[in-house]
Protein backbone atom coordinates (compact mmCIF):
# COMPACT_ATOMS: atom_id res chain seq x y z
CA MET A 1 11.25 -17.36 -22.52
CA ARG A 2 7.64 -17.19 -23.86
CA ASN A 3 5.11 -19.88 -22.83
CA ASN A 4 3.67 -22.61 -25.25
CA ALA A 5 0.86 -19.90 -26.32
CA GLY A 6 3.12 -17.00 -26.75
CA GLY A 7 2.20 -14.64 -24.16
CA LEU A 8 4.75 -13.21 -21.16
CA ARG A 9 5.95 -15.11 -18.39
CA VAL A 10 6.63 -12.99 -15.45
CA LEU A 11 8.49 -14.27 -12.01
CA HIS A 12 7.50 -11.87 -9.12
CA LEU A 13 9.60 -11.05 -6.26
CA SER A 14 6.86 -10.34 -3.32
CA SER A 15 5.61 -11.38 0.13
CA TRP A 16 3.14 -14.24 -0.61
CA GLY A 17 0.43 -16.19 1.25
CA VAL A 18 0.82 -14.02 4.29
CA PRO A 19 -1.51 -11.42 5.80
CA CYS A 20 0.14 -8.60 4.75
CA GLY A 21 -0.77 -5.59 2.18
CA ILE A 22 2.16 -6.30 -0.38
CA ALA A 23 1.16 -10.07 -0.55
CA ASN A 24 -2.73 -8.64 -1.09
CA TYR A 25 -1.15 -6.27 -3.85
CA CYS A 26 0.65 -8.93 -5.89
CA ARG A 27 -1.97 -11.82 -5.24
CA SER A 28 -4.41 -8.97 -7.03
CA LEU A 29 -2.02 -7.96 -9.99
CA VAL A 30 -0.83 -11.54 -10.85
CA GLU A 31 -4.71 -12.87 -11.04
CA SER A 32 -5.32 -9.54 -12.81
CA LEU A 33 -2.42 -10.06 -15.41
CA ALA A 34 -3.69 -13.68 -16.00
CA GLU A 35 -6.89 -12.50 -17.13
CA ILE A 36 -5.33 -10.77 -20.03
CA GLY A 37 -2.95 -13.54 -20.87
CA VAL A 38 0.16 -13.17 -18.68
CA GLU A 39 1.36 -16.26 -17.28
CA SER A 40 3.10 -15.53 -13.55
CA ASP A 41 4.80 -17.49 -10.72
CA VAL A 42 5.97 -15.89 -7.54
CA TYR A 43 9.57 -15.95 -5.59
CA PRO A 44 8.07 -15.44 -2.07
CA LEU A 45 10.32 -13.36 0.03
CA SER A 46 9.62 -13.43 4.09
CA MET A 47 10.86 -10.46 6.16
CA HIS A 48 11.41 -12.59 9.26
CA GLU A 49 14.05 -14.99 7.52
CA TRP A 50 16.65 -12.13 6.85
CA ALA A 51 17.22 -11.76 10.36
CA THR A 52 18.58 -15.57 10.12
CA TYR A 53 20.99 -15.06 6.79
CA LEU A 54 24.36 -15.11 7.21
CA PRO A 55 26.24 -13.27 4.36
CA GLY A 56 26.40 -16.74 2.42
CA ASP A 57 22.65 -17.23 2.51
CA ILE A 58 22.25 -13.95 1.22
CA GLY A 59 24.47 -14.53 -1.89
CA ARG A 60 22.84 -18.23 -2.23
CA LEU A 61 19.28 -16.30 -2.26
CA ARG A 62 20.62 -13.81 -5.06
CA ASP A 63 21.82 -16.80 -6.90
CA GLU A 64 18.86 -18.99 -6.48
CA ILE A 65 16.58 -16.05 -7.77
CA VAL A 66 18.96 -15.37 -10.62
CA THR A 67 18.92 -18.87 -11.95
CA ARG A 68 14.96 -18.96 -11.47
CA ALA A 69 14.57 -15.82 -13.65
CA GLU A 70 16.14 -17.62 -16.75
CA LEU A 71 13.11 -19.20 -17.03
CA PHE A 72 10.80 -16.01 -17.63
CA ASP A 73 10.85 -12.96 -19.76
CA LEU A 74 11.18 -10.76 -16.95
CA VAL A 75 11.26 -10.39 -13.22
CA HIS A 76 8.88 -7.82 -11.37
CA VAL A 77 10.03 -6.89 -7.76
CA GLN A 78 7.50 -5.77 -5.42
CA HIS A 79 9.69 -3.66 -3.17
CA GLU A 80 9.37 -2.58 0.56
CA HIS A 81 12.48 -2.35 2.63
CA GLY A 82 11.22 -4.95 5.20
CA LEU A 83 11.22 -7.70 2.06
CA PHE A 84 15.14 -6.97 1.70
CA GLY A 85 16.35 -7.42 5.18
CA VAL A 86 15.65 -3.75 7.17
CA VAL A 87 15.55 -5.97 10.15
CA SER A 88 19.30 -6.13 9.96
CA GLY A 89 19.67 -2.02 9.05
CA ALA A 90 17.66 0.17 6.18
CA ARG A 91 21.50 0.33 4.39
CA ALA A 92 21.57 -3.46 4.55
CA ALA A 93 18.21 -3.68 2.93
CA ALA A 94 19.32 -1.65 0.05
CA ARG A 95 22.36 -3.66 -0.16
CA ASN A 96 20.29 -6.50 -0.36
CA TYR A 97 18.26 -5.37 -2.87
CA GLY A 98 20.58 -3.82 -5.50
CA ALA A 99 22.52 -7.44 -5.25
CA ILE A 100 19.95 -9.22 -6.42
CA LEU A 101 19.27 -6.07 -8.76
CA GLN A 102 22.56 -6.43 -10.46
CA GLY A 103 22.67 -10.12 -10.74
CA LEU A 104 19.58 -10.01 -12.58
CA LEU A 105 20.86 -7.40 -14.83
CA SER A 106 24.24 -9.37 -15.38
CA ARG A 107 21.83 -11.83 -16.85
CA HIS A 108 20.49 -9.29 -19.16
CA LYS A 109 17.18 -9.79 -17.32
CA PRO A 110 14.81 -7.30 -17.59
CA VAL A 111 13.64 -6.00 -14.29
CA VAL A 112 10.55 -3.93 -13.12
CA THR A 113 10.07 -2.95 -9.45
CA THR A 114 7.08 -1.62 -7.94
CA PHE A 115 7.94 0.71 -5.01
CA HIS A 116 5.53 0.71 -1.82
CA THR A 117 7.44 2.87 0.50
CA PRO A 118 9.87 5.78 0.16
CA PRO A 119 13.54 5.55 -0.94
CA LEU A 120 15.95 5.20 2.02
CA ASP A 121 17.06 8.77 2.80
CA GLN A 122 13.29 9.52 3.04
CA LEU A 123 12.33 6.92 6.05
CA SER A 124 14.01 9.37 8.91
CA LYS A 125 12.99 12.55 7.31
CA LYS A 126 9.53 11.27 7.65
CA ARG A 127 9.32 9.71 10.86
CA ARG A 128 11.78 12.23 12.59
CA ARG A 129 13.29 9.71 14.75
CA PHE A 130 16.32 11.54 15.00
CA PRO A 131 17.36 14.96 16.28
CA GLY A 132 18.57 17.71 13.80
CA ALA A 133 22.17 17.29 13.31
CA LEU A 134 22.04 13.14 13.90
CA ARG A 135 19.14 13.03 11.25
CA LEU A 136 21.02 15.21 8.59
CA LEU A 137 23.95 12.68 8.90
CA LYS A 138 22.09 9.71 8.80
CA ASN A 139 20.16 10.75 5.73
CA TRP A 140 23.26 11.80 3.88
CA SER A 141 24.49 8.39 4.65
CA ARG A 142 21.29 6.39 3.47
CA ALA A 143 21.02 8.59 0.38
CA VAL A 144 24.51 7.91 -0.74
CA THR A 145 24.30 4.16 0.11
CA TRP A 146 20.57 4.13 -2.06
CA LYS A 147 22.69 5.87 -5.12
CA HIS A 148 25.23 3.53 -4.90
CA GLN A 149 23.56 0.50 -3.97
CA VAL A 150 20.28 1.03 -6.07
CA ALA A 151 19.75 4.11 -7.93
CA ARG A 152 23.09 3.38 -10.21
CA HIS A 153 21.66 -0.01 -11.46
CA PHE A 154 18.59 2.06 -13.11
CA GLN A 155 21.33 4.72 -14.49
CA ASN A 156 23.39 1.69 -15.99
CA SER A 157 20.81 -0.32 -17.05
CA GLY A 158 19.69 1.24 -20.48
CA ASP A 159 15.95 0.34 -20.83
CA LEU A 160 16.21 -2.84 -18.93
CA THR A 161 14.51 -1.43 -15.80
CA ARG A 162 11.31 0.27 -14.98
CA ALA A 163 10.68 1.91 -11.55
CA LEU A 164 6.76 2.08 -10.72
CA VAL A 165 5.49 4.15 -8.25
CA HIS A 166 1.81 5.26 -6.98
CA SER A 167 1.70 8.95 -7.10
CA ALA A 168 3.25 12.06 -8.53
CA ILE A 169 4.95 13.20 -5.26
CA THR A 170 6.46 9.80 -4.95
CA ARG A 171 7.74 9.83 -8.43
CA ARG A 172 9.88 13.26 -7.44
CA ALA A 173 10.93 11.67 -4.41
CA PHE A 174 12.68 8.51 -6.53
CA ALA A 175 13.85 10.82 -9.05
CA ASP A 176 15.78 13.08 -6.33
CA SER A 177 16.89 9.57 -5.21
CA GLY A 178 19.11 9.18 -8.15
CA ILE A 179 16.48 6.90 -10.20
CA PRO A 180 16.48 8.38 -13.89
CA ILE A 181 13.10 9.85 -15.01
CA HIS A 182 13.02 7.62 -18.44
CA ALA A 183 12.76 4.64 -15.70
CA LEU A 184 9.95 5.93 -13.61
CA ARG A 185 6.31 5.30 -14.30
CA MET A 186 3.36 6.08 -12.29
CA VAL A 187 0.65 3.48 -11.73
CA PRO A 188 -1.90 3.92 -8.66
CA ILE A 189 -2.63 1.05 -6.53
CA GLY A 190 -5.66 -0.89 -7.96
CA CYS A 191 -9.08 -0.82 -6.70
CA PRO A 192 -11.10 -3.94 -5.62
CA PRO A 193 -14.65 -4.07 -7.24
CA LEU A 194 -17.26 -2.15 -5.71
CA ARG A 195 -19.19 -3.91 -2.89
CA THR A 196 -22.40 -5.06 -2.72
CA SER A 197 -24.58 -6.77 -0.08
CA THR A 198 -27.56 -8.74 0.59
CA VAL A 199 -27.82 -8.11 3.47
CA THR A 200 -29.52 -4.48 4.69
CA PRO A 201 -27.38 -2.03 7.39
CA ALA A 202 -30.05 -2.75 9.85
CA LEU A 203 -29.91 -6.60 9.76
CA ALA A 204 -26.35 -6.63 9.56
CA LYS A 205 -26.07 -4.26 12.62
CA GLU A 206 -28.56 -6.65 14.11
CA ARG A 207 -26.35 -9.72 13.52
CA LEU A 208 -23.38 -8.01 14.99
CA GLY A 209 -25.34 -6.96 18.35
CA LEU A 210 -25.95 -3.25 17.45
CA PRO A 211 -28.69 -1.19 18.33
CA PRO A 212 -30.66 -0.39 15.15
CA GLN A 213 -29.71 3.46 15.61
CA THR A 214 -26.18 2.95 15.86
CA GLN A 215 -23.98 4.80 13.53
CA LEU A 216 -20.75 2.62 12.90
CA VAL A 217 -17.67 3.94 12.00
CA THR A 218 -15.10 1.71 10.83
CA LEU A 219 -11.29 1.26 10.30
CA PHE A 220 -10.44 -1.41 8.09
CA GLY A 221 -6.71 -2.91 7.79
CA PHE A 222 -4.03 -3.82 10.11
CA VAL A 223 -4.13 -1.82 13.66
CA GLY A 224 -0.98 0.49 13.36
CA ARG A 225 0.20 3.55 15.50
CA TYR A 226 0.50 5.47 11.96
CA LYS A 227 -3.16 4.85 10.94
CA GLY A 228 -4.72 6.78 14.05
CA HIS A 229 -6.51 4.28 15.72
CA ASP A 230 -5.82 6.22 18.84
CA LEU A 231 -7.43 9.35 17.19
CA ALA A 232 -10.40 7.99 16.19
CA LEU A 233 -11.05 6.62 20.11
CA GLN A 234 -10.47 9.86 21.18
CA ALA A 235 -12.96 11.33 18.67
CA LEU A 236 -15.39 8.52 19.66
CA GLN A 237 -15.33 9.88 23.16
CA GLN A 238 -16.50 13.29 22.09
CA LEU A 239 -19.40 12.36 19.60
CA PRO A 240 -23.05 10.82 21.09
CA GLY A 241 -23.47 7.51 22.53
CA ASP A 242 -25.27 6.41 19.61
CA PHE A 243 -21.62 6.46 17.37
CA HIS A 244 -19.96 3.34 17.90
CA LEU A 245 -16.43 2.15 16.18
CA ALA A 246 -15.22 -1.02 14.22
CA ILE A 247 -11.41 -1.63 14.15
CA CYS A 248 -11.75 -4.41 11.63
CA GLY A 249 -8.24 -5.80 12.04
CA GLY A 250 -5.45 -7.01 14.11
CA SER A 251 -1.61 -6.36 14.64
CA HIS A 252 0.54 -6.96 11.46
CA PRO A 253 2.43 -10.16 12.05
CA GLU A 254 5.50 -9.23 11.76
CA ALA A 255 5.08 -5.96 14.42
CA ARG A 256 7.03 -5.89 17.41
CA ASP A 257 5.57 -2.79 19.13
CA ASP A 258 3.19 -2.91 21.71
CA PHE A 259 0.44 -0.32 19.68
CA PHE A 260 -2.09 -3.12 19.63
CA ALA A 261 -2.00 -3.53 23.54
CA GLU A 262 -2.20 0.16 23.70
CA VAL A 263 -5.38 0.35 21.83
CA PHE A 264 -7.15 -1.84 24.40
CA ARG A 265 -5.67 0.31 27.14
CA MET A 266 -7.15 3.34 25.87
CA ILE A 267 -10.36 2.01 25.25
CA ALA A 268 -10.64 0.81 29.07
CA ARG A 269 -9.10 4.53 29.71
CA LEU A 270 -11.74 6.62 27.91
CA GLY A 271 -14.51 4.28 29.17
CA LEU A 272 -15.75 2.96 25.55
CA GLU A 273 -15.55 -0.38 26.12
CA GLU A 274 -19.66 -0.71 25.11
CA ARG A 275 -18.92 1.27 21.74
CA VAL A 276 -15.76 -0.32 20.45
CA LYS A 277 -15.36 -3.53 18.48
CA VAL A 278 -11.95 -4.89 17.77
CA THR A 279 -12.47 -7.87 15.46
CA GLY A 280 -8.90 -8.85 14.66
CA TRP A 281 -8.39 -10.89 11.17
CA LEU A 282 -12.13 -11.37 9.53
CA SER A 283 -13.29 -13.87 7.42
CA PRO A 284 -14.59 -12.57 4.26
CA GLU A 285 -18.20 -13.62 5.36
CA ASP A 286 -17.51 -11.25 8.42
CA ALA A 287 -15.97 -8.54 6.62
CA ASP A 288 -18.61 -8.37 4.43
CA LEU A 289 -21.17 -7.97 7.39
CA TYR A 290 -18.94 -4.99 8.76
CA TYR A 291 -19.18 -3.52 5.43
CA ALA A 292 -22.74 -3.56 5.36
CA ALA A 293 -23.02 -2.61 8.78
CA THR A 294 -20.70 0.32 8.58
CA ASP A 295 -22.01 3.95 8.04
CA ILE A 296 -18.68 5.62 7.40
CA CYS A 297 -14.95 4.49 6.78
CA LEU A 298 -12.27 6.23 8.04
CA ALA A 299 -8.67 6.54 7.28
CA PRO A 300 -7.13 9.28 9.85
CA TYR A 301 -3.39 8.32 9.32
CA GLN A 302 -0.67 10.19 10.98
CA PRO A 303 1.05 13.08 9.03
CA ASP A 304 4.56 11.24 9.10
CA CYS A 305 3.50 7.83 8.04
CA GLY A 306 5.42 7.89 4.91
CA LEU A 307 3.27 6.23 3.00
CA SER A 308 3.36 6.21 -0.99
CA GLY A 309 0.17 4.47 -1.42
CA SER A 310 -2.27 2.42 0.77
CA GLY A 311 -4.49 -0.91 -0.04
CA ALA A 312 -6.69 -0.58 2.87
CA ILE A 313 -7.78 3.35 1.46
CA THR A 314 -9.16 1.48 -1.78
CA TRP A 315 -11.30 -0.73 0.27
CA ALA A 316 -12.85 1.84 1.67
CA LEU A 317 -13.21 3.64 -1.55
CA ALA A 318 -15.00 0.54 -2.84
CA SER A 319 -17.28 0.05 0.43
CA GLY A 320 -19.94 1.74 -0.97
CA ARG A 321 -19.94 4.30 2.23
CA PRO A 322 -18.28 7.95 2.65
CA THR A 323 -14.83 8.04 3.67
CA ILE A 324 -12.83 10.64 5.89
CA ALA A 325 -9.29 10.39 5.51
CA SER A 326 -6.47 12.51 6.37
CA LYS A 327 -4.59 14.96 4.37
CA ILE A 328 -1.39 12.99 3.80
CA ASP A 329 0.32 12.75 0.64
CA ALA A 330 -1.06 9.62 -0.56
CA PHE A 331 -4.46 10.66 0.20
CA MET A 332 -4.32 14.03 -1.12
CA ALA A 333 -3.25 12.44 -4.63
CA ILE A 334 -6.22 10.49 -4.66
CA GLN A 335 -8.61 13.50 -3.79
CA ARG A 336 -6.82 15.66 -6.23
CA GLU A 337 -8.06 13.37 -9.15
CA SER A 338 -11.14 12.65 -7.73
CA PRO A 339 -12.87 14.31 -5.01
CA CYS A 340 -13.88 11.26 -3.11
CA MET A 341 -13.41 11.89 0.25
CA LEU A 342 -13.77 14.20 3.01
CA MET A 343 -10.13 15.27 4.15
CA THR A 344 -9.53 16.47 7.69
CA THR A 345 -5.79 17.59 9.04
CA ALA A 346 -3.89 14.85 10.09
CA GLY A 347 -3.53 14.48 13.99
CA GLN A 348 -6.70 16.87 14.72
CA THR A 349 -9.12 15.24 16.93
CA GLU A 350 -11.94 17.88 16.95
CA GLU A 351 -11.75 18.24 12.89
CA LEU A 352 -12.35 14.60 12.82
CA VAL A 353 -15.27 14.86 15.28
CA TRP A 354 -16.80 17.41 13.14
CA ALA A 355 -16.07 15.39 9.90
CA ILE A 356 -17.89 12.51 11.20
CA ARG A 357 -20.92 14.67 12.37
CA LYS A 358 -20.93 16.72 8.95
CA ILE A 359 -21.18 13.21 7.08
CA ALA A 360 -23.75 11.66 9.45
CA ASP A 361 -25.90 14.66 9.27
CA ASP A 362 -25.52 15.44 5.34
CA ARG A 363 -26.93 12.37 3.54
CA ALA A 364 -26.58 14.17 0.16
CA LEU A 365 -22.82 14.58 0.57
CA GLY A 366 -22.14 11.37 1.68
CA ARG A 367 -23.91 10.17 -1.68
CA GLU A 368 -21.69 12.49 -3.57
CA LEU A 369 -18.49 11.12 -1.86
CA VAL A 370 -19.63 7.53 -2.70
CA ALA A 371 -20.17 8.36 -6.11
CA ALA A 372 -17.14 10.03 -6.87
CA ALA A 373 -15.38 7.16 -5.11
CA GLY A 374 -17.05 4.51 -7.43
CA GLU A 375 -15.77 6.43 -10.52
CA TYR A 376 -12.23 6.37 -9.13
CA CYS A 377 -12.67 2.60 -8.28
CA ARG A 378 -13.62 2.00 -11.82
CA ARG A 379 -10.96 3.87 -13.36
CA HIS A 380 -8.25 2.23 -11.36
CA SER A 381 -9.78 -1.16 -11.55
CA TRP A 382 -7.21 -3.98 -10.88
CA LYS A 383 -7.67 -4.84 -14.77
CA ASN A 384 -6.51 -1.33 -15.88
CA VAL A 385 -3.75 -1.71 -13.47
CA ALA A 386 -2.61 -4.65 -14.86
CA LEU A 387 -3.33 -3.52 -18.65
CA ALA A 388 -1.08 -0.47 -17.52
CA THR A 389 1.82 -3.01 -16.01
CA ARG A 390 1.80 -5.12 -19.40
CA ASP A 391 2.44 -1.90 -21.44
CA ILE A 392 5.36 -1.18 -19.13
CA TYR A 393 6.43 -5.08 -19.43
CA GLY A 394 6.27 -4.22 -23.06
CA GLU A 395 8.69 -1.28 -22.75
CA VAL A 396 11.87 -3.36 -20.96
CA LEU A 397 11.25 -6.21 -23.36
CA HIS A 398 12.31 -4.09 -26.24
CA ALA A 399 15.47 -2.70 -24.64
CA GLY A 400 17.40 -0.67 -27.26
CA THR A 401 14.56 0.41 -29.15
CA GLY A 402 14.56 4.09 -27.70
CA ARG A 403 14.08 5.95 -24.74
CA SER A 404 10.61 7.61 -23.71
CA THR A 405 10.64 10.45 -21.28
CA VAL A 406 6.82 10.47 -21.02
CA VAL A 407 5.66 9.11 -17.95
CA PRO A 408 2.04 7.64 -18.10
CA ALA A 409 -0.52 9.49 -15.55
CA HIS A 410 -2.51 6.58 -14.99
CA PRO A 411 -3.94 3.29 -16.46
CA ALA A 412 -6.08 3.56 -19.21
CA ALA A 413 -9.62 3.46 -18.47
CA ALA A 414 -11.74 0.47 -19.49
């Protein structure tokens, strides 16, 4: 159903209005789609509510989404396993997502899904939570579940479905999981506008109570074990006293582990209380102050984090400050396109120390990285992501006109 102006109407299934990376992604996409004439509404999905659902509740949720979708031209799903009930098990999450997908396709409703995490069978491969034989069995079971509950709907839907991924390596993982190549499209995560500040770095440091000679190294985003905050603290201990660390974020609202508390214990154990600031959630005004005061952004993620993309890395790239990042697949995909970060081997403290010193001492290198990051951010602005996404909407809305096996490499540059 088109709106009165003849534009597209899209129903998004996503987390919404909560401190969550996927909710932020969806909000940025919805706002950018609105600027190019696409009308959107959001059906909010909540991670914690799945723990309370009985089988009948899940069926009613599916039916409610399918009924709501009748008012729209297509449905765009923001997929992360937690949004579909991974609290009840990974295979349950696949079944729940598959049931919603099946319900929509049974009404011939076009569905576009952006996958923010790897396919089901890749999760334990990345995290190595299980010993050899058990891991193989678990991966096999998850792969069978994924192909039966999810991939078959993409295989059998003609051109009514598209699977959006953030990098070439993730595209390969989903192709291996059974998603047909003709349905896969690659759209990198959008980047915010390049930051500008009316506050000088010196004034920002003064307002934050930092000595003027401070070299401030900053991690932005939620605190989580996979992001390497512990590695950053170990590196800080080996750096001179004028280096300080800002951890601009707090624990994810759905986190159930004790890593946030572990960060504070580690700060005390290493004697870094005077050199580390943990801010928790920041207002936009306070975030701007920390961006202005920052000298170097860090993203020392762990090698087994299993990310297909990261919103936090786009904040760093748009910060106007040089970025040091781990050599994980998601970040290497960016680096191969545009050498805009100083890359270090994940998990290596001494290498991270060297990289921080290198950028602090080599201002020309820092300027080169910032310039390259700015070009990357402009090329992958949210406007360009919205334009690429609208083109993909057009593909599924014209189902039956022939399949294209060409995968667009990137959104068109403005």
